[in-house]
């Protein structure tokens, strides 16, 4: 197996890294402090193909695979996890759901706008009382002729206020019925659809997270993705790719935190030498580097399987679990290596530390990943 990047992949890595340094780095703390969702930066990312990476060229996308997608999210997240998270949610969830399950008409209507970032996408599964237990969702849709009327709320939704279009999973059947959930595409202009409370978060503060509210929201049957009752099954498949996205997000945060700690340790002197020469610090850096490399390999395996059209349930769950946990450990050690400076907002270590925790929660907690892995191991 060849682990070397191709020339095209190297070019993507370098170009995205350059974009992030020039366009994201100078503003990341301004956006973070004020919880600004920088819509304009995503428009620029759309121009260079980052908002429709997996979308075929015929629909206005870049037509790339999961390795390239992983690389791009890593390089963005290496600078700012918030922008990496929004990029991941837009690509994998909203856009990915329409790409995988939409009709030809739906693809032609929505994918070009999403791939260019003319429109920002949202994806609604989670509710206030149903996180991992999605079969108990209370957001429901009732059929009324050619229309479905949606009532309820979704919670912790990326781009719940700013998204121009949302892919929303709602209950159309009985409680706890895996065939009782249906997916709708709902445009922001639809009467009865609005954004709710914007959450004030520990980290990922410039990635917008909010409620979505549906109050007698009438949606035409043509807005159903796939068939009535297919929503839950669709969501489980979409989350396979979502785990790869969050894995790449966590990996990028780990790399950014490690880079920060390593460079600081080489420059910071105590007792007449750089602290990188002290075994206590050097061994921390070793543990960080090995953990990052190992989690990267798990993620590459998941990407290869996904590209080949093979089942990657086990591989993506393992990758998501490990990269997320590593992100927390590495960013924690980075703060420790910087000491007092690691606790200050003048240095990036504290932001990596705050951002990292979301990776163990979003798109399936670490505990849920363990359940998925355990079931696959004894299947």
Protein backbone atom coordinates (compact mmCIF):
# COMPACT_ATOMS: atom_id res chain seq x y z
CA UNK A 1 0.00 0.00 0.00
CA UNK A 2 1.34 3.41 -0.99
CA UNK A 3 0.93 6.10 1.69
CA UNK A 4 2.52 8.86 -0.41
CA UNK A 5 0.20 11.64 -1.55
CA UNK A 6 -0.24 12.04 -5.28
CA UNK A 7 0.89 15.27 -6.92
CA UNK A 8 -2.72 16.45 -7.07
CA UNK A 9 -3.26 15.66 -3.40
CA UNK A 10 -0.08 17.53 -2.46
CA UNK A 11 -1.32 20.50 -4.45
CA UNK A 12 -4.67 20.42 -2.62
CA UNK A 13 -2.90 20.18 0.74
CA UNK A 14 -0.61 23.12 -0.03
CA UNK A 15 -3.30 25.31 -1.56
CA UNK A 16 -5.76 24.77 1.31
CA UNK A 17 -3.01 25.37 3.89
CA UNK A 18 -2.08 28.60 2.12
CA UNK A 19 -5.71 29.71 1.95
CA UNK A 20 -6.18 29.03 5.67
CA UNK A 21 -3.05 30.95 6.64
CA UNK A 22 -4.00 33.98 4.56
CA UNK A 23 -7.77 34.12 5.02
CA UNK A 24 -8.65 32.34 8.28
CA UNK A 25 -5.70 32.75 10.65
CA UNK A 26 -5.78 36.59 10.86
CA UNK A 27 -9.45 36.59 11.94
CA UNK A 28 -9.97 33.35 13.84
CA UNK A 29 -9.89 34.89 17.33
CA UNK A 30 -12.05 37.86 16.28
CA UNK A 31 -14.69 35.43 15.00
CA UNK A 32 -14.27 33.20 18.06
CA UNK A 33 -14.60 35.93 20.67
CA UNK A 34 -17.69 37.49 19.07
CA UNK A 35 -19.22 34.19 17.89
CA UNK A 36 -19.32 35.52 14.34
CA UNK A 37 -20.28 33.06 11.61
CA UNK A 38 -18.12 34.42 8.75
CA UNK A 39 -20.38 33.75 5.78
CA UNK A 40 -17.99 35.53 3.44
CA UNK A 41 -15.15 33.08 4.09
CA UNK A 42 -17.32 30.19 2.94
CA UNK A 43 -18.12 32.06 -0.26
CA UNK A 44 -14.38 32.25 -0.89
CA UNK A 45 -14.00 28.57 -0.04
CA UNK A 46 -16.77 27.82 -2.53
CA UNK A 47 -14.80 29.56 -5.27
CA UNK A 48 -11.86 27.18 -4.82
CA UNK A 49 -14.01 24.04 -4.62
CA UNK A 50 -13.98 23.37 -0.89
CA UNK A 51 -17.74 23.48 -0.37
CA UNK A 52 -18.62 20.79 -2.89
CA UNK A 53 -15.60 18.54 -2.76
CA UNK A 54 -17.48 15.26 -3.16
CA UNK A 55 -20.06 16.63 -5.61
CA UNK A 56 -19.54 15.49 -9.24
CA UNK A 57 -18.46 18.13 -11.72
CA UNK A 58 -21.76 17.81 -13.60
CA UNK A 59 -23.47 19.40 -10.58
CA UNK A 60 -20.85 22.11 -10.13
CA UNK A 61 -18.66 20.32 -7.61
CA UNK A 62 -14.99 19.39 -7.48
CA UNK A 63 -15.64 15.69 -8.09
CA UNK A 64 -12.99 14.53 -5.63
CA UNK A 65 -12.79 11.56 -3.25
CA UNK A 66 -12.61 11.11 0.49
CA UNK A 67 -8.80 11.25 0.73
CA UNK A 68 -8.79 14.73 -0.83
CA UNK A 69 -11.76 15.72 1.33
CA UNK A 70 -9.96 14.50 4.47
CA UNK A 71 -6.84 16.46 3.54
CA UNK A 72 -8.78 19.68 3.00
CA UNK A 73 -10.71 19.51 6.30
CA UNK A 74 -7.46 18.71 8.14
CA UNK A 75 -5.66 21.75 6.76
CA UNK A 76 -8.55 24.10 7.54
CA UNK A 77 -8.97 22.65 11.04
CA UNK A 78 -5.24 22.85 11.67
CA UNK A 79 -5.83 26.61 11.72
CA UNK A 80 -9.43 26.86 12.96
CA UNK A 81 -11.68 24.03 14.10
CA UNK A 82 -14.81 26.18 13.79
CA UNK A 83 -14.36 26.74 10.07
CA UNK A 84 -13.45 23.07 9.63
CA UNK A 85 -16.65 22.02 11.43
CA UNK A 86 -18.89 24.19 9.27
CA UNK A 87 -17.13 22.99 6.13
CA UNK A 88 -17.62 19.37 7.24
CA UNK A 89 -21.32 19.78 8.11
CA UNK A 90 -22.07 21.53 4.83
CA UNK A 91 -20.25 18.95 2.70
CA UNK A 92 -21.03 15.66 4.43
CA UNK A 93 -24.46 16.17 5.90
CA UNK A 94 -26.68 18.52 3.90
CA UNK A 95 -24.91 18.29 0.55
CA UNK A 96 -23.97 14.65 1.02
CA UNK A 97 -27.54 13.64 1.84
CA UNK A 98 -28.94 15.26 -1.28
CA UNK A 99 -26.13 13.79 -3.38
CA UNK A 100 -26.68 10.26 -2.08
CA UNK A 101 -30.48 10.13 -1.88
CA UNK A 102 -31.86 13.00 -3.95
CA UNK A 103 -33.66 12.62 -7.26
CA UNK A 104 -32.00 13.91 -10.40
CA UNK A 105 -34.25 16.96 -10.27
CA UNK A 106 -33.34 17.64 -6.63
CA UNK A 107 -29.63 17.24 -7.35
CA UNK A 108 -29.76 19.70 -10.26
CA UNK A 109 -31.72 22.18 -8.18
CA UNK A 110 -29.65 22.19 -4.99
CA UNK A 111 -26.15 20.81 -5.54
CA UNK A 112 -24.77 23.62 -7.75
CA UNK A 113 -25.85 26.26 -5.22
CA UNK A 114 -24.41 24.27 -2.32
CA UNK A 115 -21.16 23.42 -4.09
CA UNK A 116 -20.49 27.09 -4.86
CA UNK A 117 -21.56 28.14 -1.34
CA UNK A 118 -24.16 30.45 -2.87
CA UNK A 119 -26.31 28.54 -0.42
CA UNK A 120 -25.16 27.23 2.97
CA UNK A 121 -26.61 23.88 4.04
CA UNK A 122 -27.94 22.62 7.37
CA UNK A 123 -28.90 19.10 8.49
CA UNK A 124 -31.44 18.43 11.20
CA UNK A 125 -31.63 15.18 13.16
CA UNK A 126 -30.97 16.04 16.83
CA UNK A 127 -33.66 17.36 19.16
CA UNK A 128 -33.50 18.67 22.71
CA UNK A 129 -34.54 15.32 24.22
CA UNK A 130 -33.36 12.97 21.46
CA UNK A 131 -29.67 13.04 20.74
CA UNK A 132 -28.39 9.52 20.17
CA UNK A 133 -31.93 8.14 20.70
CA UNK A 134 -33.28 9.59 17.44
CA UNK A 135 -36.17 7.12 17.08
CA UNK A 136 -37.93 9.04 19.86
CA UNK A 137 -37.96 12.32 17.94
CA UNK A 138 -40.93 14.60 18.54
CA UNK A 139 -40.67 16.74 15.39
CA UNK A 140 -43.46 15.31 13.21
CA UNK A 141 -44.99 15.72 9.76
CA UNK A 142 -48.61 14.99 8.86
CA UNK A 143 -49.75 14.54 5.27
CA UNK A 144 -52.30 16.99 3.89
CA UNK A 145 -52.96 16.15 0.26
CA UNK A 146 -49.82 16.87 -1.79
CA UNK A 147 -48.19 18.59 1.18
CA UNK A 148 -46.72 17.56 4.51
CA UNK A 149 -47.11 19.85 7.53
CA UNK A 150 -44.07 19.84 9.84
CA UNK A 151 -44.24 20.85 13.51
CA UNK A 152 -41.50 20.71 16.12
CA UNK A 153 -37.94 21.82 16.75
CA UNK A 154 -34.43 20.61 16.05
CA UNK A 155 -31.55 21.39 18.37
CA UNK A 156 -27.76 21.79 18.11
CA UNK A 157 -28.00 22.37 14.37
CA UNK A 158 -24.98 23.70 12.49
CA UNK A 159 -26.18 26.68 10.40
CA UNK A 160 -29.67 26.43 11.90
CA UNK A 161 -30.15 30.18 11.45
CA UNK A 162 -27.93 31.01 8.48
CA UNK A 163 -28.50 27.91 6.36
CA UNK A 164 -30.35 28.61 3.11
CA UNK A 165 -31.60 25.05 2.84
CA UNK A 166 -31.94 22.29 5.40
CA UNK A 167 -32.20 18.53 5.10
CA UNK A 168 -34.52 17.63 7.96
CA UNK A 169 -35.47 14.23 9.37
CA UNK A 170 -38.91 14.13 10.96
CA UNK A 171 -41.25 11.48 12.28
CA UNK A 172 -44.02 10.46 9.87
CA UNK A 173 -44.88 7.15 11.51
CA UNK A 174 -45.04 5.54 14.91
CA UNK A 175 -42.62 6.23 17.74
CA UNK A 176 -39.59 3.89 17.75
CA UNK A 177 -40.34 2.68 14.21
CA UNK A 178 -37.13 2.74 12.16
CA UNK A 179 -39.33 3.11 9.06
CA UNK A 180 -41.34 5.93 10.60
CA UNK A 181 -38.93 8.77 9.78
CA UNK A 182 -38.85 10.72 6.51
CA UNK A 183 -36.33 13.20 5.09
CA UNK A 184 -37.42 16.55 3.68
CA UNK A 185 -35.49 19.32 1.94
CA UNK A 186 -36.77 22.62 3.33
CA UNK A 187 -35.75 25.97 1.91
CA UNK A 188 -35.26 28.92 4.27
CA UNK A 189 -38.01 30.92 2.52
CA UNK A 190 -40.64 28.28 3.35
CA UNK A 191 -43.35 29.81 5.62
CA UNK A 192 -43.27 28.32 9.10
CA UNK A 193 -39.54 27.55 9.03
CA UNK A 194 -37.29 29.73 11.18
CA UNK A 195 -34.10 29.72 13.18
CA UNK A 196 -34.31 29.73 16.97
CA UNK A 197 -31.88 30.22 19.82
CA UNK A 198 -28.21 30.51 18.92
CA UNK A 199 -26.12 28.53 21.40
CA UNK A 200 -23.32 30.18 23.40
CA UNK A 201 -20.61 27.51 23.28
CA UNK A 202 -17.35 26.59 24.97
CA UNK A 203 -15.58 26.08 21.64
CA UNK A 204 -16.25 26.03 17.90
CA UNK A 205 -17.70 29.47 18.54
CA UNK A 206 -17.61 30.78 14.97
CA UNK A 207 -19.46 27.73 13.67
CA UNK A 208 -23.10 28.65 14.15
CA UNK A 209 -25.15 26.23 16.28
CA UNK A 210 -28.83 26.86 16.88
CA UNK A 211 -32.39 25.60 16.96
CA UNK A 212 -34.54 25.14 13.88
CA UNK A 213 -38.26 25.71 14.44
CA UNK A 214 -41.12 24.34 12.33
CA UNK A 215 -44.54 25.85 12.97
CA UNK A 216 -47.14 24.45 10.58
CA UNK A 217 -44.46 24.42 7.90
CA UNK A 218 -46.04 23.14 4.66
CA UNK A 219 -43.65 21.24 2.42
CA UNK A 220 -44.63 19.77 -0.96
CA UNK A 221 -44.22 16.04 -1.42
CA UNK A 222 -41.64 16.78 -4.15
CA UNK A 223 -39.30 17.87 -1.32
CA UNK A 224 -39.07 14.36 0.13
CA UNK A 225 -35.63 12.75 -0.25
CA UNK A 226 -36.06 9.14 -1.28
CA UNK A 227 -39.22 7.45 -0.07
CA UNK A 228 -41.51 8.09 2.89
CA UNK A 229 -40.13 6.16 5.86
CA UNK A 230 -36.57 5.89 4.58
CA UNK A 231 -35.15 8.72 6.70
CA UNK A 232 -33.59 6.80 9.56
CA UNK A 233 -31.89 4.30 7.25
CA UNK A 234 -30.58 7.19 5.15
CA UNK A 235 -29.25 8.99 8.24
CA UNK A 236 -27.25 5.98 9.38
CA UNK A 237 -25.54 5.84 5.97
CA UNK A 238 -24.90 9.57 5.91
CA UNK A 239 -23.30 9.42 9.34
CA UNK A 240 -20.68 6.99 8.00
CA UNK A 241 -19.29 9.80 5.88
CA UNK A 242 -19.92 12.25 8.70
CA UNK A 243 -17.64 10.24 10.98
CA UNK A 244 -14.86 10.62 8.44
CA UNK A 245 -15.49 14.38 8.40
CA UNK A 246 -15.31 14.70 12.17
CA UNK A 247 -12.29 12.40 12.17
CA UNK A 248 -10.52 14.79 9.80
CA UNK A 249 -11.63 17.71 11.96
CA UNK A 250 -10.17 16.10 15.08
CA UNK A 251 -7.00 15.17 13.26
CA UNK A 252 -6.51 18.73 12.06
CA UNK A 253 -7.04 20.12 15.57
CA UNK A 254 -4.50 17.60 16.92
CA UNK A 255 -1.96 18.64 14.30
CA UNK A 256 -2.50 22.33 15.00
CA UNK A 257 -2.11 21.81 18.75
CA UNK A 258 0.99 19.65 18.25
CA UNK A 259 2.59 22.20 15.90
CA UNK A 260 1.97 24.93 18.48
CA UNK A 261 3.46 22.90 21.34
CA UNK A 262 6.48 21.69 19.36
CA UNK A 263 7.44 25.15 18.11
CA UNK A 264 6.98 26.70 21.53
CA UNK A 265 9.09 23.98 23.17
CA UNK A 266 11.95 24.69 20.76
CA UNK A 267 11.88 28.43 21.45
CA UNK A 268 11.15 28.48 25.20
CA UNK A 269 14.31 28.30 27.33
CA UNK A 270 14.57 27.27 30.98
CA UNK A 271 17.70 26.41 32.93
CA UNK A 272 19.88 27.33 29.98
CA UNK A 273 18.28 25.19 27.25
CA UNK A 274 15.10 24.83 25.23
CA UNK A 275 12.43 22.92 27.10
CA UNK A 276 12.18 20.46 24.18
CA UNK A 277 15.44 18.98 25.47
CA UNK A 278 13.88 18.01 28.77
CA UNK A 279 12.66 14.43 28.79
CA UNK A 280 9.33 15.38 30.40
CA UNK A 281 8.49 17.61 27.45
CA UNK A 282 10.15 15.50 24.76
CA UNK A 283 8.19 12.40 25.79
CA UNK A 284 4.94 14.35 25.70
CA UNK A 285 5.75 15.38 22.13
CA UNK A 286 6.52 11.76 21.27
CA UNK A 287 3.19 10.56 22.64
CA UNK A 288 1.37 13.31 20.75
CA UNK A 289 3.11 12.53 17.44
CA UNK A 290 2.52 8.77 17.69
CA UNK A 291 -1.16 9.21 18.57
CA UNK A 292 -1.67 11.57 15.64
CA UNK A 293 0.04 9.19 13.22
CA UNK A 294 -1.99 6.20 14.42
CA UNK A 295 -5.31 8.02 14.21
CA UNK A 296 -4.38 9.31 10.75
CA UNK A 297 -3.88 5.74 9.52
CA UNK A 298 -7.28 4.70 10.87
CA UNK A 299 -8.85 7.61 9.02
CA UNK A 300 -7.05 6.78 5.77
CA UNK A 301 -8.40 3.22 5.94
CA UNK A 302 -11.96 4.52 6.33
CA UNK A 303 -11.48 6.89 3.38
CA UNK A 304 -10.12 4.11 1.15
CA UNK A 305 -13.08 1.86 1.96
CA UNK A 306 -15.55 4.69 1.39
CA UNK A 307 -13.98 5.56 -1.96
CA UNK A 308 -14.20 1.90 -2.99
CA UNK A 309 -17.91 1.80 -2.17
CA UNK A 310 -17.35 -0.80 0.55
CA UNK A 311 -18.88 -0.83 4.01
CA UNK A 312 -16.87 1.39 6.33
CA UNK A 313 -19.12 1.29 9.38
CA UNK A 314 -16.45 -0.25 11.60
CA UNK A 315 -13.53 1.67 10.10
CA UNK A 316 -15.24 5.06 10.24
CA UNK A 317 -16.46 4.51 13.82
CA UNK A 318 -12.95 3.49 14.91
CA UNK A 319 -11.44 6.48 13.13
CA UNK A 320 -13.97 8.93 14.53
CA UNK A 321 -13.57 7.58 18.06
CA UNK A 322 -9.77 7.61 18.06
CA UNK A 323 -9.21 10.92 16.28
CA UNK A 324 -11.68 12.64 18.63
CA UNK A 325 -10.14 11.27 21.79
CA UNK A 326 -6.63 12.00 20.50
CA UNK A 327 -7.65 15.60 19.73
CA UNK A 328 -8.62 16.11 23.37
CA UNK A 329 -5.44 14.47 24.73
CA UNK A 330 -3.09 16.27 22.37
CA UNK A 331 -4.66 19.69 22.87
CA UNK A 332 -4.60 19.16 26.65
CA UNK A 333 -0.89 18.34 26.51
CA UNK A 334 -0.28 21.34 24.27
CA UNK A 335 -1.74 23.65 26.91
CA UNK A 336 0.45 21.94 29.53
CA UNK A 337 3.62 22.35 27.47
CA UNK A 338 2.93 26.07 27.06
CA UNK A 339 2.34 26.36 30.79
CA UNK A 340 0.89 29.72 31.80
CA UNK A 341 0.95 30.88 28.18
CA UNK A 342 -1.19 27.91 27.23
CA UNK A 343 -3.94 29.40 29.38
CA UNK A 344 -3.90 32.74 27.56
CA UNK A 345 -5.93 33.66 24.51
CA UNK A 346 -2.83 35.33 23.04
CA UNK A 347 -1.66 31.82 22.15
CA UNK A 348 -3.60 29.29 20.04
CA UNK A 349 -3.27 26.31 22.38
CA UNK A 350 -6.32 27.25 24.44
CA UNK A 351 -8.53 27.47 21.35
CA UNK A 352 -7.48 24.03 20.13
CA UNK A 353 -8.22 22.81 23.67
CA UNK A 354 -11.72 24.30 23.68
CA UNK A 355 -12.55 23.22 20.13
CA UNK A 356 -11.34 19.65 20.55
CA UNK A 357 -14.07 18.52 22.96
CA UNK A 358 -16.84 18.87 20.40
CA UNK A 359 -15.23 16.10 18.34
CA UNK A 360 -16.07 13.58 21.06
CA UNK A 361 -19.72 14.70 21.11
CA UNK A 362 -20.88 15.77 17.64
CA UNK A 363 -22.16 13.29 15.03
CA UNK A 364 -22.20 10.47 17.55
CA UNK A 365 -20.53 10.63 20.96
CA UNK A 366 -17.47 8.54 21.77
CA UNK A 367 -19.76 6.26 23.76
CA UNK A 368 -21.99 5.71 20.71
CA UNK A 369 -18.91 4.98 18.58
CA UNK A 370 -17.94 2.30 21.09
CA UNK A 371 -21.40 0.77 20.78
CA UNK A 372 -21.13 0.75 16.98
CA UNK A 373 -17.64 -0.78 17.13
CA UNK A 374 -18.71 -3.43 19.65
CA UNK A 375 -21.70 -4.48 17.54
CA UNK A 376 -19.54 -4.75 14.41
CA UNK A 377 -16.89 -6.79 16.22
CA UNK A 378 -19.37 -9.46 17.34
CA UNK A 379 -21.56 -9.38 14.24
